Amino acid sequence: MSHKPQKTLVLVNLGGPRNTAEIEVFLTDLFTDPFVFDLPLPEFLRLPLARFIAKKRSPKVKKIYESMGFGGGSPLVSETEKQARTIERILNQKTNVTWTVKVAMTCGFPHIRDKEFGKPSTDTIYLPLYPQFSRSTVLSTLNHLEKKFKECPVGSGGYVPSFASDPKFHQISAKFIFDFFTGALKPEDFLHFPTQKTTLDWREMDLVFSAHGVPMRLIRKGDRYMEEIESSVNGITNELRLFGFRGQIHISYQSKVGPAKWTGPSSLEMISSLAKEGKQIAVYPISFVSDHLETLEEIGEQFKDLALELGAKAFIRIPAFGIYPPFIEYLAEKVLAVDKSIHHCFCKEMGGESLSTCRFKYGS
């Protein structure tokens, strides 16, 4: 009797507290990550400072999560689990393999360091859900895996790289935005699906691509995140023009924490400026693939209230992909195409740094 081969796919995201009790744990994981909370301090100073900040911010963050209506936590884990179930079904339909798709987070639970997540290989594939490379997301994920398995997964056959410059990603993103504005999406597939109506022509709107910001310190270390964002936006814009979009395009960055200089312009500044000019504004979360705090609360509530107060004719939040079928199909294709064809250190190329166990550190 023959048995189907078995494979595991692990979808990796940053994470979020699933309930109030997990908030401080999530923040501690976040701020103790050296690729996220990157300060020029020795570890014996950096780690206690990170834990102090996490503890101090917890009460404020708790109030924000409570206001979102998801039981005091973030919907990011559950939304990623919906994506996992959807891609698992597609992979099992497309192949003669029994696929199991799991969800792992680099902050909070279920944590990527847990025993259930095995060593990257052609049978255990890791897919970080970050379209653009950044030290704070992709390199952080690779660092977690290297610490756990004593080798960098890049080149193992068990790792799917980021896809910001892929023309197919641009096409799917543009089609998603078009489908949103033309009423082709299923509202029940999304959290807090925007229901506001406007008589204005979407093709004439000012479209803001809002990305999660990172400290400029990371950019100075060689992180090409801003270039990745620009590559995504340029490709998507070209595709949107084919759908008749004629409006102005803007890039901005949100979610700044602390006094240090971050990537800019900030989304708050960008939206304030456009609102004062009486623009009709649409915001698309270019660096996110599922809705959570930054899209639902920051864009959907804070930015919206500010824009309308300052005089915007309209403000529309475009959701993140979620389980949008073309996007999930695209991810499945990326997984099925993964192999050992990576022959260089793209961490060094894209993030300015090779990990200590990099296969290609001293080669081509």
Protein backbone atom coordinates (compact mmCIF):
# COMPACT_ATOMS: atom_id res chain seq x y z
CA MET A 1 0.00 0.00 0.00
CA SER A 2 1.48 3.32 -1.10
CA HIS A 3 1.22 6.40 1.09
CA LYS A 4 1.34 10.00 -0.02
CA PRO A 5 4.50 11.88 0.96
CA GLN A 6 3.94 14.42 3.73
CA LYS A 7 5.13 18.00 3.87
CA THR A 8 4.74 20.88 6.28
CA LEU A 9 4.45 24.55 5.48
CA VAL A 10 4.97 27.10 8.25
CA LEU A 11 3.51 30.56 7.70
CA VAL A 12 5.51 33.06 9.75
CA ASN A 13 4.26 36.44 10.89
CA LEU A 14 5.33 38.98 13.49
CA GLY A 15 2.54 38.07 15.87
CA GLY A 16 0.15 39.74 18.24
CA PRO A 17 -1.38 39.03 21.63
CA ARG A 18 -4.39 36.74 21.30
CA ASN A 19 -5.81 38.08 24.55
CA THR A 20 -5.03 40.58 27.30
CA ALA A 21 -2.85 38.14 29.23
CA GLU A 22 -0.41 37.84 26.32
CA ILE A 23 0.22 41.55 25.77
CA GLU A 24 3.31 41.91 27.96
CA VAL A 25 4.80 38.64 26.63
CA PHE A 26 4.26 39.85 23.06
CA LEU A 27 5.85 43.24 23.76
CA THR A 28 8.78 41.61 25.56
CA ASP A 29 9.46 39.33 22.59
CA LEU A 30 9.19 42.34 20.29
CA PHE A 31 11.52 44.68 22.16
CA THR A 32 14.12 42.06 23.11
CA ASP A 33 14.57 41.06 19.44
CA PRO A 34 17.96 42.54 18.42
CA PHE A 35 16.80 43.01 14.82
CA VAL A 36 13.72 44.97 15.91
CA PHE A 37 14.89 46.88 18.97
CA ASP A 38 18.30 47.64 17.54
CA LEU A 39 20.24 49.92 19.86
CA PRO A 40 24.00 50.55 20.11
CA LEU A 41 24.12 49.06 23.60
CA PRO A 42 25.71 45.94 25.03
CA GLU A 43 23.26 43.11 25.70
CA PHE A 44 23.44 43.48 29.48
CA LEU A 45 22.00 46.99 29.05
CA ARG A 46 19.81 46.50 25.98
CA LEU A 47 17.80 43.54 27.31
CA PRO A 48 16.80 45.06 30.68
CA LEU A 49 15.88 48.30 28.89
CA ALA A 50 13.76 46.36 26.40
CA ARG A 51 11.93 44.52 29.17
CA PHE A 52 11.35 47.78 31.03
CA ILE A 53 9.85 49.41 27.93
CA ALA A 54 7.62 46.39 27.30
CA LYS A 55 6.28 46.50 30.86
CA LYS A 56 5.78 50.25 30.77
CA ARG A 57 3.90 50.18 27.44
CA SER A 58 1.63 47.26 28.34
CA PRO A 59 -1.18 49.29 30.04
CA LYS A 60 -1.40 51.72 27.10
CA VAL A 61 -1.36 48.93 24.53
CA LYS A 62 -3.99 47.02 26.52
CA LYS A 63 -6.44 49.93 26.14
CA ILE A 64 -5.86 50.05 22.38
CA TYR A 65 -6.50 46.33 21.96
CA GLU A 66 -9.60 46.50 24.16
CA SER A 67 -11.04 49.19 21.86
CA MET A 68 -10.70 46.98 18.78
CA GLY A 69 -13.41 44.52 19.80
CA PHE A 70 -11.46 41.27 19.54
CA GLY A 71 -11.61 40.23 23.18
CA GLY A 72 -8.67 42.32 24.30
CA GLY A 73 -6.22 40.89 21.79
CA SER A 74 -5.16 41.11 18.17
CA PRO A 75 -6.83 39.27 15.29
CA LEU A 76 -3.51 38.76 13.50
CA VAL A 77 -2.96 35.18 14.69
CA SER A 78 -6.50 34.09 13.86
CA GLU A 79 -6.36 35.83 10.47
CA THR A 80 -3.07 34.06 9.71
CA GLU A 81 -4.70 30.78 10.71
CA LYS A 82 -7.47 31.46 8.17
CA GLN A 83 -4.79 31.95 5.53
CA ALA A 84 -3.13 28.71 6.64
CA ARG A 85 -6.34 26.69 6.29
CA THR A 86 -6.97 28.17 2.85
CA ILE A 87 -3.48 27.54 1.48
CA GLU A 88 -3.47 24.03 2.97
CA ARG A 89 -6.59 23.20 1.01
CA ILE A 90 -5.07 24.56 -2.20
CA LEU A 91 -1.77 22.70 -1.76
CA ASN A 92 -3.56 19.42 -1.11
CA GLN A 93 -5.70 19.93 -4.20
CA LYS A 94 -2.75 20.79 -6.43
CA THR A 95 -0.33 18.02 -5.43
CA ASN A 96 -0.10 14.33 -4.62
CA VAL A 97 1.32 15.30 -1.22
CA THR A 98 -0.37 15.53 2.15
CA TRP A 99 0.30 19.07 3.32
CA THR A 100 -0.01 20.38 6.85
CA VAL A 101 0.14 24.16 7.18
CA LYS A 102 1.04 25.65 10.56
CA VAL A 103 1.28 29.19 11.90
CA ALA A 104 4.32 30.52 13.79
CA MET A 105 5.01 33.96 15.20
CA THR A 106 8.30 35.64 16.03
CA CYS A 107 6.62 37.49 18.92
CA GLY A 108 3.99 36.01 21.19
CA PHE A 109 2.30 32.67 20.56
CA PRO A 110 2.53 30.21 18.88
CA HIS A 111 6.22 31.10 18.91
CA ILE A 112 8.60 30.02 16.16
CA ARG A 113 10.97 28.63 18.80
CA ASP A 114 8.37 26.00 19.89
CA LYS A 115 9.33 22.37 19.33
CA GLU A 116 6.49 21.67 16.89
CA PHE A 117 8.20 23.75 14.20
CA GLY A 118 10.86 21.57 12.59
CA LYS A 119 14.11 22.24 10.80
CA PRO A 120 13.77 23.93 7.39
CA SER A 121 14.14 21.40 4.57
CA THR A 122 12.40 20.37 1.36
CA ASP A 123 9.78 18.71 3.61
CA THR A 124 9.40 21.59 6.09
CA ILE A 125 9.10 24.92 4.33
CA TYR A 126 9.00 28.34 5.97
CA LEU A 127 7.15 31.22 4.32
CA PRO A 128 7.48 34.61 6.09
CA LEU A 129 4.38 36.67 5.29
CA TYR A 130 6.33 39.85 4.56
CA PRO A 131 6.26 40.96 0.92
CA GLN A 132 9.29 43.23 1.45
CA PHE A 133 12.63 42.30 2.98
CA SER A 134 13.62 44.08 6.17
CA ARG A 135 16.08 43.36 8.93
CA SER A 136 13.24 43.79 11.44
CA THR A 137 11.03 41.11 9.83
CA VAL A 138 12.76 38.72 7.43
CA LEU A 139 16.24 38.83 8.96
CA SER A 140 14.69 38.54 12.41
CA THR A 141 12.84 35.38 11.29
CA LEU A 142 16.02 33.87 9.86
CA ASN A 143 17.89 34.71 13.05
CA HIS A 144 15.28 32.88 15.13
CA LEU A 145 15.62 29.81 12.92
CA GLU A 146 19.41 29.97 12.97
CA LYS A 147 19.48 30.13 16.77
CA LYS A 148 17.13 27.17 16.96
CA PHE A 149 18.71 24.89 14.32
CA LYS A 150 22.31 26.19 14.19
CA GLU A 151 22.08 26.97 10.49
CA CYS A 152 20.56 29.67 8.30
CA PRO A 153 17.65 28.25 6.28
CA VAL A 154 18.44 30.23 3.13
CA GLY A 155 19.49 27.69 0.51
CA SER A 156 18.13 24.71 2.45
CA GLY A 157 15.20 24.18 0.11
CA GLY A 158 12.90 25.02 3.01
CA TYR A 159 12.61 28.77 2.74
CA VAL A 160 10.50 31.04 0.50
CA PRO A 161 12.08 34.49 0.01
CA SER A 162 10.24 37.81 -0.06
CA PHE A 163 8.57 38.87 -3.30
CA ALA A 164 8.33 42.67 -3.40
CA SER A 165 9.75 42.95 -6.93
CA ASP A 166 7.79 40.11 -8.50
CA PRO A 167 5.60 41.43 -11.37
CA LYS A 168 2.93 38.84 -10.53
CA PHE A 169 2.69 40.21 -6.99
CA HIS A 170 2.22 43.67 -8.49
CA GLN A 171 -0.53 42.40 -10.79
CA ILE A 172 -2.38 40.66 -7.96
CA SER A 173 -2.11 43.73 -5.71
CA ALA A 174 -3.49 46.03 -8.41
CA LYS A 175 -6.33 43.61 -9.16
CA PHE A 176 -7.15 43.44 -5.45
CA ILE A 177 -7.40 47.24 -5.22
CA PHE A 178 -9.50 47.30 -8.41
CA ASP A 179 -11.77 44.54 -7.06
CA PHE A 180 -12.22 46.45 -3.82
CA PHE A 181 -13.32 49.63 -5.53
CA THR A 182 -15.57 47.86 -8.02
CA GLY A 183 -17.36 45.79 -5.38
CA ALA A 184 -15.94 42.40 -6.40
CA LEU A 185 -14.60 41.40 -2.96
CA LYS A 186 -16.64 39.36 -0.48
CA PRO A 187 -17.15 41.52 2.64
CA GLU A 188 -17.60 38.43 4.81
CA ASP A 189 -13.97 37.44 4.09
CA PHE A 190 -12.64 40.56 5.84
CA LEU A 191 -12.62 42.10 9.30
CA HIS A 192 -14.48 45.42 9.62
CA PHE A 193 -14.89 45.58 5.85
CA PRO A 194 -15.14 49.26 4.86
CA THR A 195 -18.76 50.03 4.03
CA GLN A 196 -18.60 53.76 3.46
CA LYS A 197 -19.86 54.82 0.06
CA THR A 198 -18.59 57.70 -2.03
CA THR A 199 -19.91 59.22 -5.19
CA LEU A 200 -16.38 60.22 -6.12
CA ASP A 201 -14.49 58.37 -8.86
CA TRP A 202 -11.92 55.99 -7.30
CA ARG A 203 -9.71 56.46 -10.35
CA GLU A 204 -9.16 60.09 -9.35
CA MET A 205 -8.37 59.52 -5.66
CA ASP A 206 -5.06 60.19 -3.97
CA LEU A 207 -3.80 56.70 -3.15
CA VAL A 208 -1.47 56.44 -0.16
CA PHE A 209 0.62 53.28 0.13
CA SER A 210 1.24 53.12 3.87
CA ALA A 211 4.03 50.80 5.02
CA HIS A 212 5.13 49.89 8.51
CA GLY A 213 8.04 52.15 9.36
CA VAL A 214 11.47 51.07 10.57
CA PRO A 215 14.17 53.05 12.38
CA MET A 216 16.60 54.79 10.03
CA ARG A 217 19.34 53.08 12.00
CA LEU A 218 18.37 49.85 10.19
CA ILE A 219 18.51 51.58 6.81
CA ARG A 220 21.98 52.90 7.60
CA LYS A 221 23.06 49.33 8.37
CA GLY A 222 22.19 48.34 4.80
CA ASP A 223 18.50 47.46 5.04
CA ARG A 224 16.97 48.00 1.59
CA TYR A 225 13.42 48.03 2.93
CA MET A 226 12.60 51.45 1.52
CA GLU A 227 13.80 50.32 -1.91
CA GLU A 228 11.62 47.23 -1.57
CA ILE A 229 8.59 49.39 -0.75
CA GLU A 230 9.28 51.65 -3.72
CA SER A 231 9.68 48.65 -6.02
CA SER A 232 6.32 47.28 -4.89
CA VAL A 233 4.55 50.61 -5.27
CA ASN A 234 6.02 51.35 -8.69
CA GLY A 235 5.02 47.93 -10.01
CA ILE A 236 1.50 48.12 -8.56
CA THR A 237 1.03 51.68 -9.87
CA ASN A 238 1.92 50.60 -13.40
CA GLU A 239 -0.67 47.84 -13.19
CA LEU A 240 -3.30 50.17 -11.71
CA ARG A 241 -2.86 52.55 -14.63
CA LEU A 242 -3.98 49.70 -16.87
CA PHE A 243 -7.25 49.63 -14.89
CA GLY A 244 -7.72 53.34 -15.59
CA PHE A 245 -6.38 54.76 -12.34
CA ARG A 246 -5.37 58.39 -12.90
CA GLY A 247 -4.88 59.67 -9.35
CA GLN A 248 -1.75 60.65 -7.48
CA ILE A 249 0.37 58.02 -5.71
CA HIS A 250 2.08 58.58 -2.36
CA ILE A 251 4.34 56.46 -0.13
CA SER A 252 4.41 56.92 3.63
CA TYR A 253 5.33 55.03 6.80
CA GLN A 254 3.32 54.39 9.96
CA SER A 255 3.61 52.99 13.50
CA LYS A 256 6.66 54.90 14.71
CA VAL A 257 7.75 54.09 18.27
CA GLY A 258 10.17 56.16 20.33
CA PRO A 259 12.15 59.35 19.67
CA ALA A 260 14.65 57.99 17.10
CA LYS A 261 14.39 58.98 13.45
CA TRP A 262 12.29 56.54 11.38
CA THR A 263 11.55 56.12 7.71
CA GLY A 264 9.47 58.94 6.32
CA PRO A 265 7.38 60.75 5.45
CA SER A 266 5.07 59.57 8.20
CA SER A 267 1.58 58.51 7.20
CA LEU A 268 0.13 60.97 9.71
CA GLU A 269 1.98 63.85 8.04
CA MET A 270 1.08 62.65 4.55
CA ILE A 271 -2.62 62.21 5.30
CA SER A 272 -2.80 65.52 7.19
CA SER A 273 -1.30 67.36 4.25
CA LEU A 274 -3.63 65.76 1.70
CA ALA A 275 -6.66 66.31 3.93
CA LYS A 276 -5.93 70.03 4.29
CA GLU A 277 -5.95 70.22 0.49
CA GLY A 278 -9.45 68.72 0.46
CA LYS A 279 -8.34 65.53 -1.26
CA GLN A 280 -10.26 62.27 -1.47
CA ILE A 281 -7.87 59.77 0.13
CA ALA A 282 -7.56 56.01 -0.08
CA VAL A 283 -4.96 54.16 2.00
CA TYR A 284 -3.57 50.75 1.07
CA PRO A 285 -1.42 48.80 3.61
CA ILE A 286 1.42 47.88 1.26
CA SER A 287 3.54 45.96 3.80
CA PHE A 288 0.73 43.94 5.42
CA VAL A 289 -1.04 40.83 4.12
CA SER A 290 -3.69 40.53 6.86
CA ASP A 291 -5.67 43.04 8.88
CA HIS A 292 -4.76 43.75 12.49
CA LEU A 293 -4.00 46.69 14.82
CA GLU A 294 -2.09 48.81 12.29
CA THR A 295 -4.72 48.51 9.54
CA LEU A 296 -7.95 48.40 11.53
CA GLU A 297 -7.18 50.84 14.32
CA GLU A 298 -4.34 53.05 13.08
CA ILE A 299 -5.47 53.44 9.46
CA GLY A 300 -9.16 52.69 9.80
CA GLU A 301 -9.86 54.82 12.88
CA GLN A 302 -7.04 57.22 13.75
CA PHE A 303 -6.07 58.24 10.21
CA LYS A 304 -9.69 58.37 9.09
CA ASP A 305 -10.79 60.62 11.95
CA LEU A 306 -7.83 62.93 11.39
CA ALA A 307 -8.38 63.17 7.63
CA LEU A 308 -12.08 63.99 7.87
CA GLU A 309 -11.47 66.49 10.66
CA LEU A 310 -8.86 68.31 8.56
CA GLY A 311 -11.08 68.58 5.48
CA ALA A 312 -10.63 65.49 3.31
CA LYS A 313 -13.53 64.98 0.89
CA ALA A 314 -13.39 61.25 1.58
CA PHE A 315 -11.23 58.71 3.35
CA ILE A 316 -11.27 55.01 2.48
CA ARG A 317 -9.26 52.21 4.08
CA ILE A 318 -8.49 49.44 1.62
CA PRO A 319 -8.18 46.13 3.50
CA ALA A 320 -5.19 43.80 3.45
CA PHE A 321 -5.30 40.63 1.33
CA GLY A 322 -6.51 38.18 3.94
CA ILE A 323 -7.72 35.08 2.08
CA TYR A 324 -8.13 36.84 -1.29
CA PRO A 325 -8.03 33.82 -3.65
CA PRO A 326 -5.48 35.11 -6.22
CA PHE A 327 -3.07 36.01 -3.42
CA ILE A 328 -3.39 32.67 -1.63
CA GLU A 329 -2.97 30.87 -4.96
CA TYR A 330 0.15 32.95 -5.54
CA LEU A 331 1.60 31.94 -2.18
CA ALA A 332 0.89 28.30 -2.98
CA GLU A 333 2.79 28.68 -6.25
CA LYS A 334 5.75 30.19 -4.41
CA VAL A 335 5.79 27.22 -2.03
CA LEU A 336 5.63 24.65 -4.81
CA ALA A 337 8.43 26.40 -6.70
CA VAL A 338 10.80 26.49 -3.73
CA ASP A 339 14.06 24.63 -4.23
CA LYS A 340 17.75 24.96 -3.56
CA SER A 341 18.29 27.43 -6.40
CA ILE A 342 19.40 30.23 -4.05
CA HIS A 343 23.17 30.46 -4.41
CA HIS A 344 24.03 33.74 -2.72
CA CYS A 345 23.48 35.52 0.58
CA PHE A 346 20.52 37.79 -0.04
CA CYS A 347 20.57 38.76 3.66
CA LYS A 348 23.85 40.57 3.01
CA GLU A 349 22.50 41.96 -0.25
CA MET A 350 19.12 43.11 1.13
CA GLY A 351 19.82 43.65 4.82
CA GLY A 352 23.50 44.48 5.00
CA GLU A 353 24.44 41.47 7.10
CA SER A 354 25.07 37.73 6.76
CA LEU A 355 24.10 35.48 9.63
CA SER A 356 26.93 33.51 11.23
CA THR A 357 25.95 30.15 9.66
CA CYS A 358 25.25 31.47 6.17
CA ARG A 359 26.06 28.86 3.49
CA PHE A 360 27.20 31.58 1.11
CA LYS A 361 29.04 33.88 3.49
CA TYR A 362 32.40 33.23 1.90
CA GLY A 363 31.23 32.11 -1.54
CA SER A 364 29.38 33.55 -4.46
